[in-house]
Structure formats: C-alpha cells, structure tokens
Amino acid sequence: MSGEYQMNKTIGKCFRSASDNYNGVVRIYGSPYMYRVVNGIPAKGAMLEVIDFSSTELFVSVNNYLFESDVNYIDNR
C-alpha cells in the first residue's frame, strides 16, 4: 500500500486534540502521523479535522462542529 494512498484515506478524519500545540502526533489506522493545525486556534480537547497532507505531515483544521459520534472520528488515545 503506497504512502500517498494511506494519507488520502486520512482526509476527512477527525479527532480530539490532546494539547493546545499547533503540532502533534495522531494514530490513524494504527500508524502514527505528524499533524499541523493550519486553520483555527488549537485547544486541548478541540475537534481537529484532516483537510490535506504533504509527504511528511497531515494538515488539520479546528472544527468544533464535529462530534465523537461522527463516522470519521478517530480515538486519539
């Protein structure tokens, strides 16, 4: 499975931020991914949504309109 295919599968996934940092790590499909908040102000517990990616990291946006019950929610523990 190519890396780009795996990264494409993360688009639209959402998770709760573990900190108020602009950078962090999230586990999606068992693999760790570096992420960077590019839209909004991160806060601990804020809902983040993957909107794009580069070869090294995911770009996420703060989207507090999403909930854990969303089909694309990823538990980030």
PDB file of N, CA and C in Angstrom:
ATOM      1  N   MET A   1       0.858  -1.171   0.000  1.00  0.00           N
ATOM      2  CA  MET A   1       0.000   0.000   0.000  1.00  0.00           C
ATOM      3  C   MET A   1       0.908   1.238   0.000  1.00  0.00           C
ATOM      4  N   SER A   2       0.693   2.130  -0.948  1.00  0.00           N
ATOM      5  CA  SER A   2       1.554   3.303  -1.053  1.00  0.00           C
ATOM      6  C   SER A   2       1.254   4.296   0.064  1.00  0.00           C
ATOM      7  N   GLY A   3       2.262   5.108   0.409  1.00  0.00           N
ATOM      8  CA  GLY A   3       2.104   6.122   1.441  1.00  0.00           C
ATOM      9  C   GLY A   3       1.063   7.161   1.073  1.00  0.00           C
ATOM     10  N   GLU A   4       1.012   7.544  -0.204  1.00  0.00           N
ATOM     11  CA  GLU A   4       0.037   8.555  -0.628  1.00  0.00           C
ATOM     12  C   GLU A   4      -1.390   8.027  -0.501  1.00  0.00           C
ATOM     13  N   TYR A   5      -1.592   6.776  -0.830  1.00  0.00           N
ATOM     14  CA  TYR A   5      -2.921   6.175  -0.686  1.00  0.00           C
ATOM     15  C   TYR A   5      -3.345   6.202   0.784  1.00  0.00           C
ATOM     16  N   GLN A   6      -2.421   5.828   1.664  1.00  0.00           N
ATOM     17  CA  GLN A   6      -2.709   5.812   3.098  1.00  0.00           C
ATOM     18  C   GLN A   6      -3.024   7.236   3.587  1.00  0.00           C
ATOM     19  N   MET A   7      -2.275   8.228   3.131  1.00  0.00           N
ATOM     20  CA  MET A   7      -2.517   9.618   3.523  1.00  0.00           C
ATOM     21  C   MET A   7      -3.864  10.088   2.980  1.00  0.00           C
ATOM     22  N   ASN A   8      -4.214   9.710   1.763  1.00  0.00           N
ATOM     23  CA  ASN A   8      -5.515  10.087   1.193  1.00  0.00           C
ATOM     24  C   ASN A   8      -6.666   9.558   2.037  1.00  0.00           C
ATOM     25  N   LYS A   9      -6.498   8.379   2.626  1.00  0.00           N
ATOM     26  CA  LYS A   9      -7.546   7.800   3.456  1.00  0.00           C
ATOM     27  C   LYS A   9      -7.781   8.605   4.733  1.00  0.00           C
ATOM     28  N   THR A  10      -6.824   9.445   5.125  1.00  0.00           N
ATOM     29  CA  THR A  10      -6.984  10.234   6.351  1.00  0.00           C
ATOM     30  C   THR A  10      -7.800  11.507   6.126  1.00  0.00           C
ATOM     31  N   ILE A  11      -7.961  11.947   4.876  1.00  0.00           N
ATOM     32  CA  ILE A  11      -8.717  13.173   4.599  1.00  0.00           C
ATOM     33  C   ILE A  11     -10.143  13.016   5.134  1.00  0.00           C
ATOM     34  N   GLY A  12     -10.584  14.013   5.888  1.00  0.00           N
ATOM     35  CA  GLY A  12     -11.924  13.994   6.455  1.00  0.00           C
ATOM     36  C   GLY A  12     -12.017  13.333   7.821  1.00  0.00           C
ATOM     37  N   LYS A  13     -10.956  12.648   8.251  1.00  0.00           N
ATOM     38  CA  LYS A  13     -10.961  12.030   9.580  1.00  0.00           C
ATOM     39  C   LYS A  13     -10.860  13.127  10.637  1.00  0.00           C
ATOM     40  N   CYS A  14     -11.432  12.887  11.805  1.00  0.00           N
ATOM     41  CA  CYS A  14     -11.386  13.888  12.865  1.00  0.00           C
ATOM     42  C   CYS A  14     -11.018  13.229  14.187  1.00  0.00           C
ATOM     43  N   PHE A  15     -10.458  14.024  15.086  1.00  0.00           N
ATOM     44  CA  PHE A  15     -10.019  13.534  16.388  1.00  0.00           C
ATOM     45  C   PHE A  15      -9.928  14.708  17.355  1.00  0.00           C
ATOM     46  N   ARG A  16      -9.921  14.397  18.643  1.00  0.00           N
ATOM     47  CA  ARG A  16      -9.774  15.422  19.675  1.00  0.00           C
ATOM     48  C   ARG A  16      -8.292  15.702  19.897  1.00  0.00           C
ATOM     49  N   SER A  17      -7.958  16.977  20.027  1.00  0.00           N
ATOM     50  CA  SER A  17      -6.585  17.381  20.293  1.00  0.00           C
ATOM     51  C   SER A  17      -6.211  17.026  21.724  1.00  0.00           C
ATOM     52  N   ALA A  18      -5.028  16.484  21.907  1.00  0.00           N
ATOM     53  CA  ALA A  18      -4.556  16.136  23.241  1.00  0.00           C
ATOM     54  C   ALA A  18      -3.873  17.321  23.929  1.00  0.00           C
ATOM     55  N   SER A  19      -3.606  18.394  23.182  1.00  0.00           N
ATOM     56  CA  SER A  19      -2.917  19.564  23.749  1.00  0.00           C
ATOM     57  C   SER A  19      -3.329  20.818  22.995  1.00  0.00           C
ATOM     58  N   ASP A  20      -2.762  21.938  23.394  1.00  0.00           N
ATOM     59  CA  ASP A  20      -3.034  23.199  22.704  1.00  0.00           C
ATOM     60  C   ASP A  20      -1.906  23.576  21.744  1.00  0.00           C
ATOM     61  N   ASN A  21      -1.093  22.598  21.351  1.00  0.00           N
ATOM     62  CA  ASN A  21       0.016  22.830  20.421  1.00  0.00           C
ATOM     63  C   ASN A  21      -0.465  22.833  18.978  1.00  0.00           C
ATOM     64  N   TYR A  22       0.269  23.533  18.123  1.00  0.00           N
ATOM     65  CA  TYR A  22      -0.049  23.551  16.694  1.00  0.00           C
ATOM     66  C   TYR A  22       0.460  22.299  15.984  1.00  0.00           C
ATOM     67  N   ASN A  23       1.360  21.561  16.619  1.00  0.00           N
ATOM     68  CA  ASN A  23       1.904  20.330  16.040  1.00  0.00           C
ATOM     69  C   ASN A  23       1.668  19.178  16.997  1.00  0.00           C
ATOM     70  N   GLY A  24       1.523  17.982  16.454  1.00  0.00           N
ATOM     71  CA  GLY A  24       1.337  16.817  17.299  1.00  0.00           C
ATOM     72  C   GLY A  24       1.384  15.540  16.494  1.00  0.00           C
ATOM     73  N   VAL A  25       1.030  14.446  17.163  1.00  0.00           N
ATOM     74  CA  VAL A  25       1.018  13.124  16.534  1.00  0.00           C
ATOM     75  C   VAL A  25      -0.345  12.498  16.802  1.00  0.00           C
ATOM     76  N   VAL A  26      -0.909  11.884  15.766  1.00  0.00           N
ATOM     77  CA  VAL A  26      -2.171  11.167  15.892  1.00  0.00           C
ATOM     78  C   VAL A  26      -1.990   9.791  15.276  1.00  0.00           C
ATOM     79  N   ARG A  27      -2.625   8.789  15.863  1.00  0.00           N
ATOM     80  CA  ARG A  27      -2.602   7.428  15.326  1.00  0.00           C
ATOM     81  C   ARG A  27      -3.873   7.205  14.524  1.00  0.00           C
ATOM     82  N   ILE A  28      -3.711   6.931  13.235  1.00  0.00           N
ATOM     83  CA  ILE A  28      -4.836   6.650  12.347  1.00  0.00           C
ATOM     84  C   ILE A  28      -4.544   5.328  11.656  1.00  0.00           C
ATOM     85  N   TYR A  29      -5.506   4.394  11.729  1.00  0.00           N
ATOM     86  CA  TYR A  29      -5.326   3.053  11.168  1.00  0.00           C
ATOM     87  C   TYR A  29      -4.072   2.383  11.723  1.00  0.00           C
ATOM     88  N   GLY A  30      -3.750   2.665  12.984  1.00  0.00           N
ATOM     89  CA  GLY A  30      -2.619   2.035  13.647  1.00  0.00           C
ATOM     90  C   GLY A  30      -1.268   2.665  13.363  1.00  0.00           C
ATOM     91  N   SER A  31      -1.209   3.635  12.466  1.00  0.00           N
ATOM     92  CA  SER A  31       0.059   4.278  12.130  1.00  0.00           C
ATOM     93  C   SER A  31       0.121   5.688  12.706  1.00  0.00           C
ATOM     94  N   PRO A  32       1.286   6.098  13.237  1.00  0.00           N
ATOM     95  CA  PRO A  32       1.419   7.461  13.760  1.00  0.00           C
ATOM     96  C   PRO A  32       1.644   8.459  12.621  1.00  0.00           C
ATOM     97  N   TYR A  33       0.970   9.584  12.705  1.00  0.00           N
ATOM     98  CA  TYR A  33       1.123  10.658  11.717  1.00  0.00           C
ATOM     99  C   TYR A  33       1.399  11.961  12.443  1.00  0.00           C
ATOM    100  N   MET A  34       2.341  12.721  11.943  1.00  0.00           N
ATOM    101  CA  MET A  34       2.572  14.079  12.436  1.00  0.00           C
ATOM    102  C   MET A  34       1.481  14.953  11.838  1.00  0.00           C
ATOM    103  N   TYR A  35       0.965  15.901  12.628  1.00  0.00           N
ATOM    104  CA  TYR A  35      -0.021  16.830  12.087  1.00  0.00           C
ATOM    105  C   TYR A  35       0.317  18.260  12.482  1.00  0.00           C
ATOM    106  N   ARG A  36      -0.210  19.196  11.715  1.00  0.00           N
ATOM    107  CA  ARG A  36      -0.036  20.622  11.987  1.00  0.00           C
ATOM    108  C   ARG A  36      -1.375  21.320  11.800  1.00  0.00           C
ATOM    109  N   VAL A  37      -1.768  22.139  12.790  1.00  0.00           N
ATOM    110  CA  VAL A  37      -3.007  22.915  12.695  1.00  0.00           C
ATOM    111  C   VAL A  37      -2.739  24.099  11.776  1.00  0.00           C
ATOM    112  N   VAL A  38      -3.505  24.201  10.681  1.00  0.00           N
ATOM    113  CA  VAL A  38      -3.312  25.279   9.710  1.00  0.00           C
ATOM    114  C   VAL A  38      -4.498  26.238   9.669  1.00  0.00           C
ATOM    115  N   ASN A  39      -5.579  25.881  10.370  1.00  0.00           N
ATOM    116  CA  ASN A  39      -6.761  26.736  10.373  1.00  0.00           C
ATOM    117  C   ASN A  39      -7.403  26.663  11.748  1.00  0.00           C
ATOM    118  N   GLY A  40      -7.507  27.806  12.428  1.00  0.00           N
ATOM    119  CA  GLY A  40      -8.092  27.850  13.757  1.00  0.00           C
ATOM    120  C   GLY A  40      -7.027  27.853  14.835  1.00  0.00           C
ATOM    121  N   ILE A  41      -7.486  28.000  16.064  1.00  0.00           N
ATOM    122  CA  ILE A  41      -6.589  28.030  17.218  1.00  0.00           C
ATOM    123  C   ILE A  41      -6.796  26.744  18.004  1.00  0.00           C
ATOM    124  N   PRO A  42      -5.743  25.927  18.115  1.00  0.00           N
ATOM    125  CA  PRO A  42      -5.899  24.652  18.810  1.00  0.00           C
ATOM    126  C   PRO A  42      -6.074  24.855  20.318  1.00  0.00           C
ATOM    127  N   ALA A  43      -6.836  23.992  20.925  1.00  0.00           N
ATOM    128  CA  ALA A  43      -7.019  23.961  22.372  1.00  0.00           C
ATOM    129  C   ALA A  43      -7.139  22.504  22.771  1.00  0.00           C
ATOM    130  N   LYS A  44      -6.739  22.194  24.007  1.00  0.00           N
ATOM    131  CA  LYS A  44      -6.871  20.815  24.471  1.00  0.00           C
ATOM    132  C   LYS A  44      -8.339  20.419  24.405  1.00  0.00           C
ATOM    133  N   GLY A  45      -8.633  19.311  23.755  1.00  0.00           N
ATOM    134  CA  GLY A  45      -9.995  18.817  23.612  1.00  0.00           C
ATOM    135  C   GLY A  45     -10.735  19.350  22.392  1.00  0.00           C
ATOM    136  N   ALA A  46     -10.100  20.230  21.616  1.00  0.00           N
ATOM    137  CA  ALA A  46     -10.746  20.751  20.404  1.00  0.00           C
ATOM    138  C   ALA A  46     -10.817  19.642  19.354  1.00  0.00           C
ATOM    139  N   MET A  47     -11.857  19.662  18.543  1.00  0.00           N
ATOM    140  CA  MET A  47     -12.001  18.683  17.482  1.00  0.00           C
ATOM    141  C   MET A  47     -11.188  19.162  16.277  1.00  0.00           C
ATOM    142  N   LEU A  48     -10.330  18.303  15.763  1.00  0.00           N
ATOM    143  CA  LEU A  48      -9.493  18.610  14.607  1.00  0.00           C
ATOM    144  C   LEU A  48      -9.903  17.709  13.447  1.00  0.00           C
ATOM    145  N   GLU A  49      -9.922  18.281  12.248  1.00  0.00           N
ATOM    146  CA  GLU A  49     -10.298  17.539  11.039  1.00  0.00           C
ATOM    147  C   GLU A  49      -9.150  17.596  10.041  1.00  0.00           C
ATOM    148  N   VAL A  50      -8.783  16.444   9.493  1.00  0.00           N
ATOM    149  CA  VAL A  50      -7.717  16.377   8.484  1.00  0.00           C
ATOM    150  C   VAL A  50      -8.259  16.942   7.176  1.00  0.00           C
ATOM    151  N   ILE A  51      -7.577  17.992   6.644  1.00  0.00           N
ATOM    152  CA  ILE A  51      -8.053  18.621   5.409  1.00  0.00           C
ATOM    153  C   ILE A  51      -7.093  18.442   4.240  1.00  0.00           C
ATOM    154  N   ASP A  52      -5.824  18.120   4.524  1.00  0.00           N
ATOM    155  CA  ASP A  52      -4.839  17.954   3.450  1.00  0.00           C
ATOM    156  C   ASP A  52      -3.604  17.278   4.033  1.00  0.00           C
ATOM    157  N   PHE A  53      -2.611  17.012   3.201  1.00  0.00           N
ATOM    158  CA  PHE A  53      -1.379  16.394   3.666  1.00  0.00           C
ATOM    159  C   PHE A  53      -0.227  16.738   2.745  1.00  0.00           C
ATOM    160  N   SER A  54       0.976  16.594   3.273  1.00  0.00           N
ATOM    161  CA  SER A  54       2.192  16.687   2.464  1.00  0.00           C
ATOM    162  C   SER A  54       2.886  15.337   2.592  1.00  0.00           C
ATOM    163  N   SER A  55       4.077  15.226   2.100  1.00  0.00           N
ATOM    164  CA  SER A  55       4.779  13.950   2.183  1.00  0.00           C
ATOM    165  C   SER A  55       5.218  13.631   3.611  1.00  0.00           C
ATOM    166  N   THR A  56       5.196  14.624   4.501  1.00  0.00           N
ATOM    167  CA  THR A  56       5.687  14.406   5.859  1.00  0.00           C
ATOM    168  C   THR A  56       4.665  14.621   6.966  1.00  0.00           C
ATOM    169  N   GLU A  57       3.530  15.281   6.669  1.00  0.00           N
ATOM    170  CA  GLU A  57       2.591  15.562   7.746  1.00  0.00           C
ATOM    171  C   GLU A  57       1.171  15.790   7.232  1.00  0.00           C
ATOM    172  N   LEU A  58       0.222  15.691   8.164  1.00  0.00           N
ATOM    173  CA  LEU A  58      -1.175  15.988   7.878  1.00  0.00           C
ATOM    174  C   LEU A  58      -1.444  17.444   8.237  1.00  0.00           C
ATOM    175  N   PHE A  59      -2.317  18.093   7.479  1.00  0.00           N
ATOM    176  CA  PHE A  59      -2.749  19.447   7.800  1.00  0.00           C
ATOM    177  C   PHE A  59      -4.165  19.343   8.338  1.00  0.00           C
ATOM    178  N   VAL A  60      -4.403  19.925   9.506  1.00  0.00           N
ATOM    179  CA  VAL A  60      -5.705  19.818  10.144  1.00  0.00           C
ATOM    180  C   VAL A  60      -6.293  21.192  10.420  1.00  0.00           C
ATOM    181  N   SER A  61      -7.609  21.213  10.549  1.00  0.00           N
ATOM    182  CA  SER A  61      -8.363  22.424  10.826  1.00  0.00           C
ATOM    183  C   SER A  61      -9.186  22.201  12.093  1.00  0.00           C
ATOM    184  N   VAL A  62      -9.278  23.229  12.928  1.00  0.00           N
ATOM    185  CA  VAL A  62     -10.150  23.143  14.096  1.00  0.00           C
ATOM    186  C   VAL A  62     -11.591  23.187  13.595  1.00  0.00           C
ATOM    187  N   ASN A  63     -12.393  22.174  13.966  1.00  0.00           N
ATOM    188  CA  ASN A  63     -13.788  22.102  13.546  1.00  0.00           C
ATOM    189  C   ASN A  63     -14.613  21.558  14.708  1.00  0.00           C
ATOM    190  N   ASN A  64     -15.046  22.455  15.589  1.00  0.00           N
ATOM    191  CA  ASN A  64     -15.780  22.030  16.772  1.00  0.00           C
ATOM    192  C   ASN A  64     -17.250  21.731  16.500  1.00  0.00           C
ATOM    193  N   TYR A  65     -17.637  21.698  15.226  1.00  0.00           N
ATOM    194  CA  TYR A  65     -18.995  21.296  14.864  1.00  0.00           C
ATOM    195  C   TYR A  65     -19.102  19.784  14.705  1.00  0.00           C
ATOM    196  N   LEU A  66     -17.960  19.094  14.740  1.00  0.00           N
ATOM    197  CA  LEU A  66     -17.937  17.642  14.634  1.00  0.00           C
ATOM    198  C   LEU A  66     -18.034  17.018  16.024  1.00  0.00           C
ATOM    199  N   PHE A  67     -18.478  15.770  16.092  1.00  0.00           N
ATOM    200  CA  PHE A  67     -18.642  15.072  17.361  1.00  0.00           C
ATOM    201  C   PHE A  67     -18.011  13.690  17.286  1.00  0.00           C
ATOM    202  N   GLU A  68     -17.809  13.076  18.458  1.00  0.00           N
ATOM    203  CA  GLU A  68     -17.246  11.731  18.514  1.00  0.00           C
ATOM    204  C   GLU A  68     -18.134  10.707  17.805  1.00  0.00           C
ATOM    205  N   SER A  69     -19.408  10.988  17.675  1.00  0.00           N
ATOM    206  CA  SER A  69     -20.311  10.057  17.012  1.00  0.00           C
ATOM    207  C   SER A  69     -20.184  10.094  15.492  1.00  0.00           C
ATOM    208  N   ASP A  70     -19.408  11.042  14.957  1.00  0.00           N
ATOM    209  CA  ASP A  70     -19.182  11.142  13.513  1.00  0.00           C
ATOM    210  C   ASP A  70     -18.512   9.860  13.027  1.00  0.00           C
ATOM    211  N   VAL A  71     -18.917   9.369  11.878  1.00  0.00           N
ATOM    212  CA  VAL A  71     -18.373   8.130  11.329  1.00  0.00           C
ATOM    213  C   VAL A  71     -16.863   8.235  11.086  1.00  0.00           C
ATOM    214  N   ASN A  72     -16.346   9.436  10.884  1.00  0.00           N
ATOM    215  CA  ASN A  72     -14.922   9.630  10.614  1.00  0.00           C
ATOM    216  C   ASN A  72     -14.102   9.923  11.858  1.00  0.00           C
ATOM    217  N   TYR A  73     -14.686   9.789  13.052  1.00  0.00           N
ATOM    218  CA  TYR A  73     -13.966  10.078  14.289  1.00  0.00           C
ATOM    219  C   TYR A  73     -12.928   8.996  14.576  1.00  0.00           C
ATOM    220  N   ILE A  74     -11.731   9.426  14.951  1.00  0.00           N
ATOM    221  CA  ILE A  74     -10.636   8.531  15.326  1.00  0.00           C
ATOM    222  C   ILE A  74     -10.318   8.783  16.800  1.00  0.00           C
ATOM    223  N   ASP A  75     -10.298   7.745  17.611  1.00  0.00           N
ATOM    224  CA  ASP A  75      -9.957   7.886  19.030  1.00  0.00           C
ATOM    225  C   ASP A  75      -8.444   8.072  19.127  1.00  0.00           C
ATOM    226  N   ASN A  76      -8.004   9.223  19.647  1.00  0.00           N
ATOM    227  CA  ASN A  76      -6.579   9.577  19.683  1.00  0.00           C
ATOM    228  C   ASN A  76      -5.997   9.345  21.075  1.00  0.00           C
ATOM    229  N   ARG A  77      -6.169   8.141  21.635  1.00  0.00           N
ATOM    230  CA  ARG A  77      -5.579   7.868  22.952  1.00  0.00           C
ATOM    231  C   ARG A  77      -4.419   6.933  22.848  1.00  0.00           C
TER     232      ARG A  77
END
